[in-house]
Amino acid sequence: MAEQLDTSPYDALLLLSFGGPEGPDDVVPFLENVTRGRGIPTERLKEVGQHYFLFGGVSPINGQNRALLDALRGDFAEHGLDLPVYWGNRNWAPYLTDTLREMAADGRRRIAVLATSAYASYSGCRQYRENLAEALATLTAEGIDVPRVDKLRHYFNHPGFLRPMIDGVLASLADLPEDVRAGAHIAFTTHSIPVAAADTSGPVEAHGEGGAYVAQHLDVARLIADAVREETGTEHPWRLVYQSRSGAPHIPWLEPDICDHLEELHGQGVPAVVMAPIGFVSDHMEVLYDLDTEATAKAAELGLPVRRSATVGADPRFAAAVRDLVVERAAAERGREVTRCALGALGPGHDLCPVGCCPARAPKPAAAGADSAYA
């Protein structure tokens, strides 16, 4: 096998995601999994679940993951990579522990892990590493000889992640009425998180002022806005805004909210807006409800033309980027010199999460990091 296509020492790839309900009866049990330990009453979960019931109780995330699995397997086969791809979720079937048990039974000993979160944060990185550690501990208690797991680096600035989003914004701008297109603003959206969690995201040296979470999103927004200007000849004003806030109202979360931002832009006389969900890999519930339903309804109330650009989903360029990330990490693990593909000012992320990176409020064991019992 050619060196650039060698994935050894890895013998499998694990797609690790959030999970979601696949029918009305799944909604409350799914939300119980998501909120376990927080003491949220069932009646409150039923209220929250109305977002899912609007869509028949089905989250689109599982379908999106199945499409991504197909894209990855197709890309790997096309490029001669004999690397099986498995799928496990944090909060719904197929559950991570069950998938790792299957992988161990299949004889997989060294696993590369792709999380469906491109950025640094507790919920987007460290919590997945905690899930991995918990699953491995369960298997160890069952007497299973567990494999080693290595989480692939953050890919927010990989061209294969960026280019589909650039094309999505260009398509959304082109879809706006011609008389408002040139004056359109771009609202780059991501999931709001508590300010305290943002400030401690990423390595310790990145902490403060939104930490790596805000810095990485701002870098992506600049890259997309610059590409749009270069390809259209038009400078579109933009801002990073947030959506999907939850939790106690007295706790500060990242702002402004997308709906508040739309009201502000309308008050300023902005003629149109493109909402670009750069913080999300696929069109899951936060995108379908918070943007396509709630924010779009707010824009209609204001009489403000809006378009929502596409997420990356199962785009073949993203599948190719994942292949690149696996081959890159494999080469590094074999001690080879590696050229890491990354655009923007921040450069490629670390392979191994350092101590103090995206700390939890209550420390828990985590895999695939410098502070891990499971390297």
Protein backbone atom coordinates (compact mmCIF):
# COMPACT_ATOMS: atom_id res chain seq x y z
CA MET A 1 0.00 0.00 0.00
CA ALA A 2 1.27 3.47 -0.84
CA GLU A 3 2.54 5.36 2.21
CA GLN A 4 0.02 8.18 1.87
CA LEU A 5 -2.85 5.66 1.98
CA ASP A 6 -1.56 3.61 4.90
CA THR A 7 -3.88 3.65 7.93
CA SER A 8 -1.82 1.35 10.15
CA PRO A 9 -1.75 1.03 13.14
CA TYR A 10 -5.52 1.63 12.94
CA ASP A 11 -7.76 -1.31 12.12
CA ALA A 12 -11.11 0.53 12.38
CA LEU A 13 -12.78 3.93 12.43
CA LEU A 14 -15.54 4.75 14.91
CA LEU A 15 -18.09 7.45 14.05
CA LEU A 16 -19.08 8.82 17.45
CA SER A 17 -22.20 10.98 17.59
CA PHE A 18 -24.93 12.35 19.84
CA GLY A 19 -27.85 10.17 18.79
CA GLY A 20 -31.52 11.00 18.56
CA PRO A 21 -35.01 9.49 18.77
CA GLU A 22 -36.41 7.56 15.82
CA GLY A 23 -40.10 7.69 16.76
CA PRO A 24 -42.53 9.33 19.20
CA ASP A 25 -42.07 6.63 21.85
CA ASP A 26 -38.32 7.27 21.85
CA VAL A 27 -38.47 11.01 22.60
CA VAL A 28 -38.82 11.07 26.39
CA PRO A 29 -36.43 8.12 27.00
CA PHE A 30 -33.90 9.83 24.73
CA LEU A 31 -34.23 13.11 26.65
CA GLU A 32 -33.87 11.18 29.91
CA ASN A 33 -30.54 9.88 28.60
CA VAL A 34 -29.43 13.38 27.60
CA THR A 35 -30.35 14.93 30.96
CA ARG A 36 -29.50 12.01 33.27
CA GLY A 37 -28.37 13.20 36.70
CA ARG A 38 -29.95 16.64 36.42
CA GLY A 39 -33.25 15.75 38.12
CA ILE A 40 -35.48 17.13 35.36
CA PRO A 41 -39.12 15.97 35.77
CA THR A 42 -40.71 13.84 33.06
CA GLU A 43 -43.39 16.47 32.44
CA ARG A 44 -40.71 19.03 31.65
CA LEU A 45 -39.05 16.57 29.27
CA LYS A 46 -42.37 16.14 27.47
CA GLU A 47 -42.51 19.91 27.00
CA VAL A 48 -38.98 19.98 25.60
CA GLY A 49 -39.83 17.02 23.39
CA GLN A 50 -42.43 19.06 21.49
CA HIS A 51 -39.63 20.08 19.13
CA TYR A 52 -39.23 16.42 18.18
CA PHE A 53 -42.97 15.71 18.06
CA LEU A 54 -43.31 18.44 15.41
CA PHE A 55 -41.18 16.17 13.21
CA GLY A 56 -42.96 12.92 14.05
CA GLY A 57 -40.69 12.20 17.00
CA VAL A 58 -37.77 11.55 14.65
CA SER A 59 -34.46 13.36 14.87
CA PRO A 60 -32.74 13.69 11.50
CA ILE A 61 -29.31 13.08 13.05
CA ASN A 62 -29.43 9.29 12.76
CA GLY A 63 -30.33 9.44 9.09
CA GLN A 64 -27.55 11.95 8.56
CA ASN A 65 -25.08 9.63 10.29
CA ARG A 66 -26.17 6.69 8.15
CA ALA A 67 -25.57 8.81 5.05
CA LEU A 68 -22.14 9.81 6.36
CA LEU A 69 -21.30 6.17 7.07
CA ASP A 70 -22.16 5.32 3.47
CA ALA A 71 -20.06 8.22 2.20
CA LEU A 72 -17.07 7.22 4.33
CA ARG A 73 -17.26 3.58 3.35
CA GLY A 74 -17.60 4.52 -0.31
CA ASP A 75 -14.67 6.93 -0.17
CA PHE A 76 -12.46 4.43 1.64
CA ALA A 77 -13.27 1.68 -0.85
CA GLU A 78 -12.63 3.99 -3.80
CA HIS A 79 -9.17 4.79 -2.42
CA GLY A 80 -8.23 1.25 -1.50
CA LEU A 81 -8.49 1.65 2.27
CA ASP A 82 -9.55 -1.57 3.93
CA LEU A 83 -10.69 0.18 7.10
CA PRO A 84 -14.09 -0.84 8.51
CA VAL A 85 -16.29 1.98 9.81
CA TYR A 86 -18.52 1.53 12.88
CA TRP A 87 -21.05 3.86 14.48
CA GLY A 88 -21.86 4.51 18.14
CA ASN A 89 -23.91 7.19 19.91
CA ARG A 90 -23.79 8.93 23.24
CA ASN A 91 -27.54 9.02 23.93
CA TRP A 92 -29.38 6.56 21.69
CA ALA A 93 -28.97 3.33 19.75
CA PRO A 94 -26.55 2.25 18.50
CA TYR A 95 -25.03 2.99 21.91
CA LEU A 96 -21.29 3.59 22.17
CA THR A 97 -20.70 0.79 24.71
CA ASP A 98 -22.49 -1.74 22.51
CA THR A 99 -20.51 -0.66 19.47
CA LEU A 100 -17.17 -0.89 21.27
CA ARG A 101 -18.17 -4.34 22.56
CA GLU A 102 -18.87 -5.35 18.94
CA MET A 103 -15.56 -3.91 17.78
CA ALA A 104 -13.65 -5.81 20.46
CA ALA A 105 -15.45 -9.02 19.50
CA ASP A 106 -14.44 -8.37 15.88
CA GLY A 107 -10.81 -8.21 16.99
CA ARG A 108 -10.30 -4.46 16.55
CA ARG A 109 -7.31 -3.38 18.61
CA ARG A 110 -6.57 0.21 17.55
CA ILE A 111 -9.46 2.52 16.76
CA ALA A 112 -9.50 6.03 15.31
CA VAL A 113 -12.52 8.01 16.52
CA LEU A 114 -14.31 10.74 14.57
CA ALA A 115 -16.70 12.80 16.72
CA THR A 116 -19.46 14.68 14.91
CA SER A 117 -18.34 17.92 16.53
CA ALA A 118 -15.70 20.01 14.79
CA TYR A 119 -14.77 22.42 17.57
CA ALA A 120 -13.25 22.47 21.06
CA SER A 121 -15.62 22.56 24.03
CA TYR A 122 -16.58 20.38 26.95
CA SER A 123 -19.75 19.04 25.32
CA GLY A 124 -18.16 18.84 21.86
CA CYS A 125 -14.93 17.11 22.83
CA ARG A 126 -14.13 16.23 26.43
CA GLN A 127 -17.59 14.79 27.12
CA TYR A 128 -17.15 12.41 24.19
CA ARG A 129 -13.79 11.41 25.68
CA GLU A 130 -15.53 10.80 29.01
CA ASN A 131 -18.12 8.65 27.22
CA LEU A 132 -15.29 6.63 25.68
CA ALA A 133 -13.63 6.13 29.07
CA GLU A 134 -16.91 5.08 30.67
CA ALA A 135 -17.62 2.58 27.89
CA LEU A 136 -14.10 1.14 28.08
CA ALA A 137 -14.40 0.82 31.86
CA THR A 138 -17.67 -1.09 31.43
CA LEU A 139 -16.06 -3.50 28.99
CA THR A 140 -13.05 -3.94 31.26
CA ALA A 141 -15.39 -4.84 34.12
CA GLU A 142 -16.93 -7.47 31.81
CA GLY A 143 -13.50 -9.02 31.35
CA ILE A 144 -13.07 -7.77 27.79
CA ASP A 145 -9.59 -6.86 26.58
CA VAL A 146 -10.38 -3.34 25.39
CA PRO A 147 -8.90 -1.73 22.28
CA ARG A 148 -7.00 1.55 22.28
CA VAL A 149 -8.97 4.54 21.04
CA ASP A 150 -7.52 7.73 19.53
CA LYS A 151 -9.80 10.68 18.87
CA LEU A 152 -9.01 12.51 15.62
CA ARG A 153 -8.15 16.20 15.87
CA HIS A 154 -10.64 19.03 15.45
CA TYR A 155 -11.39 19.57 11.79
CA PHE A 156 -13.17 22.95 11.79
CA ASN A 157 -10.50 24.46 9.52
CA HIS A 158 -9.92 21.52 7.19
CA PRO A 159 -10.69 22.48 3.56
CA GLY A 160 -12.98 19.47 3.20
CA PHE A 161 -15.16 20.82 6.00
CA LEU A 162 -14.93 24.47 4.93
CA ARG A 163 -15.53 24.22 1.18
CA PRO A 164 -19.02 22.70 1.40
CA MET A 165 -20.04 25.48 3.80
CA ILE A 166 -18.62 28.15 1.49
CA ASP A 167 -20.61 26.70 -1.38
CA GLY A 168 -23.70 26.59 0.84
CA VAL A 169 -23.45 30.30 1.62
CA LEU A 170 -22.86 31.14 -2.05
CA ALA A 171 -25.94 29.11 -3.03
CA SER A 172 -28.06 30.83 -0.37
CA LEU A 173 -26.96 34.27 -1.51
CA ALA A 174 -27.75 33.36 -5.11
CA ASP A 175 -31.21 32.21 -4.02
CA LEU A 176 -32.09 35.61 -2.51
CA PRO A 177 -34.03 38.09 -4.65
CA GLU A 178 -31.60 40.06 -6.74
CA ASP A 179 -32.70 43.42 -5.31
CA VAL A 180 -31.64 42.44 -1.75
CA ARG A 181 -28.74 40.11 -2.50
CA ALA A 182 -25.87 42.61 -2.50
CA GLY A 183 -26.88 44.07 0.86
CA ALA A 184 -27.41 40.73 2.60
CA HIS A 185 -25.70 40.08 5.91
CA ILE A 186 -24.38 36.66 6.95
CA ALA A 187 -25.25 35.36 10.40
CA PHE A 188 -22.85 32.55 11.24
CA THR A 189 -24.56 30.45 13.89
CA THR A 190 -23.39 27.88 16.42
CA HIS A 191 -24.69 26.31 19.60
CA SER A 192 -24.66 28.69 22.54
CA ILE A 193 -22.87 27.33 25.60
CA PRO A 194 -22.34 28.83 29.08
CA VAL A 195 -19.78 31.63 29.02
CA ALA A 196 -17.78 29.82 31.72
CA ALA A 197 -17.59 26.70 29.52
CA ALA A 198 -16.53 28.76 26.51
CA ASP A 199 -13.83 30.56 28.49
CA THR A 200 -12.23 27.25 29.50
CA SER A 201 -12.50 25.56 26.11
CA GLY A 202 -9.36 24.32 24.43
CA PRO A 203 -5.86 24.13 25.94
CA VAL A 204 -5.14 26.16 29.07
CA GLU A 205 -3.21 28.79 27.12
CA ALA A 206 -6.35 29.49 25.04
CA HIS A 207 -8.63 30.04 28.03
CA GLY A 208 -10.45 33.33 28.57
CA GLU A 209 -12.49 35.59 26.28
CA GLY A 210 -14.52 32.72 24.89
CA GLY A 211 -11.57 30.34 24.74
CA ALA A 212 -10.87 28.13 21.76
CA TYR A 213 -14.60 27.65 21.11
CA VAL A 214 -15.21 31.26 20.10
CA ALA A 215 -11.80 31.71 18.46
CA GLN A 216 -12.27 28.67 16.23
CA HIS A 217 -15.75 29.73 15.11
CA LEU A 218 -14.55 33.26 14.38
CA ASP A 219 -11.70 31.86 12.28
CA VAL A 220 -14.14 29.74 10.25
CA ALA A 221 -16.51 32.67 9.79
CA ARG A 222 -13.68 34.87 8.50
CA LEU A 223 -12.51 32.18 6.10
CA ILE A 224 -15.99 31.72 4.65
CA ALA A 225 -16.70 35.46 4.45
CA ASP A 226 -13.35 36.04 2.72
CA ALA A 227 -14.03 33.26 0.21
CA VAL A 228 -17.50 34.66 -0.52
CA ARG A 229 -16.02 38.12 -1.13
CA GLU A 230 -13.35 36.71 -3.45
CA GLU A 231 -15.86 34.68 -5.46
CA THR A 232 -18.69 37.22 -5.68
CA GLY A 233 -16.83 40.52 -5.54
CA THR A 234 -19.20 41.65 -2.78
CA GLU A 235 -18.32 42.34 0.85
CA HIS A 236 -21.12 40.94 2.98
CA PRO A 237 -21.12 42.10 6.61
CA TRP A 238 -21.21 39.19 9.05
CA ARG A 239 -21.37 38.28 12.71
CA LEU A 240 -21.00 35.15 14.82
CA VAL A 241 -24.28 34.55 16.67
CA TYR A 242 -25.72 31.76 18.77
CA GLN A 243 -28.74 29.49 19.01
CA SER A 244 -30.23 26.60 20.99
CA ARG A 245 -29.63 28.05 24.44
CA SER A 246 -30.87 25.92 27.34
CA GLY A 247 -30.38 25.85 31.10
CA ALA A 248 -31.08 28.23 33.96
CA PRO A 249 -31.72 31.84 32.85
CA HIS A 250 -29.42 33.32 35.54
CA ILE A 251 -26.35 31.59 34.08
CA PRO A 252 -24.63 33.68 31.35
CA TRP A 253 -24.54 32.01 27.93
CA LEU A 254 -22.90 33.18 24.72
CA GLU A 255 -24.92 35.86 22.91
CA PRO A 256 -26.52 37.29 20.80
CA ASP A 257 -29.23 34.78 19.98
CA ILE A 258 -30.04 34.43 16.28
CA CYS A 259 -33.61 35.69 16.72
CA ASP A 260 -32.45 38.78 18.63
CA HIS A 261 -29.85 39.34 15.93
CA LEU A 262 -32.48 39.20 13.19
CA GLU A 263 -34.53 41.82 15.02
CA GLU A 264 -31.45 44.03 15.36
CA LEU A 265 -30.58 43.73 11.66
CA HIS A 266 -34.16 44.48 10.65
CA GLY A 267 -34.08 47.61 12.83
CA GLN A 268 -30.93 48.70 11.02
CA GLY A 269 -32.62 48.36 7.64
CA VAL A 270 -30.65 45.31 6.49
CA PRO A 271 -32.47 43.94 3.42
CA ALA A 272 -31.76 40.20 3.81
CA VAL A 273 -29.85 37.62 5.86
CA VAL A 274 -28.18 34.30 5.19
CA MET A 275 -28.07 32.06 8.28
CA ALA A 276 -25.00 29.83 8.06
CA PRO A 277 -24.92 27.08 10.73
CA ILE A 278 -21.15 26.61 10.83
CA GLY A 279 -21.23 25.02 14.29
CA PHE A 280 -23.10 21.91 13.12
CA VAL A 281 -21.96 18.99 11.01
CA SER A 282 -25.46 18.02 9.83
CA ASP A 283 -29.08 19.16 9.71
CA HIS A 284 -30.08 17.79 13.11
CA MET A 285 -32.87 19.05 15.36
CA GLU A 286 -31.18 22.31 16.43
CA VAL A 287 -30.89 23.28 12.78
CA LEU A 288 -34.37 22.14 11.71
CA TYR A 289 -36.19 23.67 14.66
CA ASP A 290 -34.11 26.61 15.92
CA LEU A 291 -33.24 27.91 12.45
CA ASP A 292 -35.65 26.47 9.88
CA THR A 293 -38.67 26.80 12.17
CA GLU A 294 -38.14 29.37 14.92
CA ALA A 295 -35.69 31.83 13.35
CA THR A 296 -37.37 31.60 9.96
CA ALA A 297 -40.72 32.39 11.59
CA LYS A 298 -39.15 35.40 13.32
CA ALA A 299 -37.80 36.64 9.98
CA ALA A 300 -41.22 36.23 8.36
CA GLU A 301 -42.78 38.21 11.21
CA LEU A 302 -40.26 40.97 10.53
CA GLY A 303 -40.69 40.82 6.76
CA LEU A 304 -36.98 40.06 6.47
CA PRO A 305 -35.92 37.74 3.61
CA VAL A 306 -33.72 34.92 4.96
CA ARG A 307 -32.05 31.83 3.60
CA ARG A 308 -30.41 29.05 5.58
CA SER A 309 -27.27 27.58 4.06
CA ALA A 310 -26.48 23.88 4.06
CA THR A 311 -24.46 22.01 6.63
CA VAL A 312 -21.68 19.66 5.52
CA GLY A 313 -23.62 16.45 6.12
CA ALA A 314 -22.39 13.58 3.95
CA ASP A 315 -20.70 15.78 1.33
CA PRO A 316 -18.03 13.72 -0.50
CA ARG A 317 -15.46 16.42 0.28
CA PHE A 318 -16.07 15.91 3.98
CA ALA A 319 -15.70 12.15 3.59
CA ALA A 320 -12.39 12.79 1.82
CA ALA A 321 -11.33 15.08 4.69
CA VAL A 322 -12.03 12.29 7.18
CA ARG A 323 -9.86 9.97 5.12
CA ASP A 324 -7.14 12.60 5.19
CA LEU A 325 -7.43 12.93 8.97
CA VAL A 326 -7.15 9.18 9.50
CA VAL A 327 -4.15 8.80 7.19
CA GLU A 328 -2.49 11.84 8.75
CA ARG A 329 -2.94 10.56 12.31
CA ALA A 330 -1.83 7.07 11.35
CA ALA A 331 1.39 8.42 9.88
CA ALA A 332 2.05 10.45 13.02
CA GLU A 333 1.48 7.37 15.18
CA ARG A 334 4.08 5.53 13.08
CA GLY A 335 6.57 8.34 13.79
CA ARG A 336 6.47 9.87 10.32
CA GLU A 337 6.73 13.57 9.52
CA VAL A 338 3.24 14.82 8.78
CA THR A 339 1.95 17.82 6.85
CA ARG A 340 -1.39 18.68 8.43
CA CYS A 341 -4.02 20.30 6.26
CA ALA A 342 -5.57 23.40 7.85
CA LEU A 343 -6.63 26.86 6.69
CA GLY A 344 -6.88 30.11 8.61
CA ALA A 345 -4.94 31.73 11.41
CA LEU A 346 -5.13 28.98 14.04
CA GLY A 347 -3.44 26.11 12.26
CA PRO A 348 -4.07 22.40 12.85
CA GLY A 349 -5.23 21.24 16.26
CA HIS A 350 -3.52 18.82 18.61
CA ASP A 351 -3.75 15.04 18.27
CA LEU A 352 -3.78 14.45 22.02
CA CYS A 353 -5.91 16.68 24.24
CA PRO A 354 -3.59 18.21 26.87
CA VAL A 355 -4.21 18.32 30.59
CA GLY A 356 -6.68 21.10 31.45
CA CYS A 357 -8.27 21.11 28.00
CA CYS A 358 -12.06 21.76 28.14
CA PRO A 359 -12.33 20.78 31.82
CA ALA A 360 -15.52 19.36 33.30
CA ARG A 361 -17.28 20.98 36.25
CA ALA A 362 -16.89 17.69 38.10
CA PRO A 363 -13.74 15.86 36.96
CA LYS A 364 -14.37 12.46 35.37
CA PRO A 365 -12.02 10.02 33.65
CA ALA A 366 -11.59 10.64 29.94
CA ALA A 367 -10.00 8.59 27.18
CA ALA A 368 -7.75 9.71 24.32
CA GLY A 369 -6.02 12.53 26.18
CA ALA A 370 -2.79 13.31 28.00
CA ASP A 371 -4.58 12.76 31.32
CA SER A 372 -6.12 9.46 30.29
CA ALA A 373 -5.75 5.93 31.59
CA TYR A 374 -6.91 4.94 28.10
CA ALA A 375 -4.38 6.67 25.85
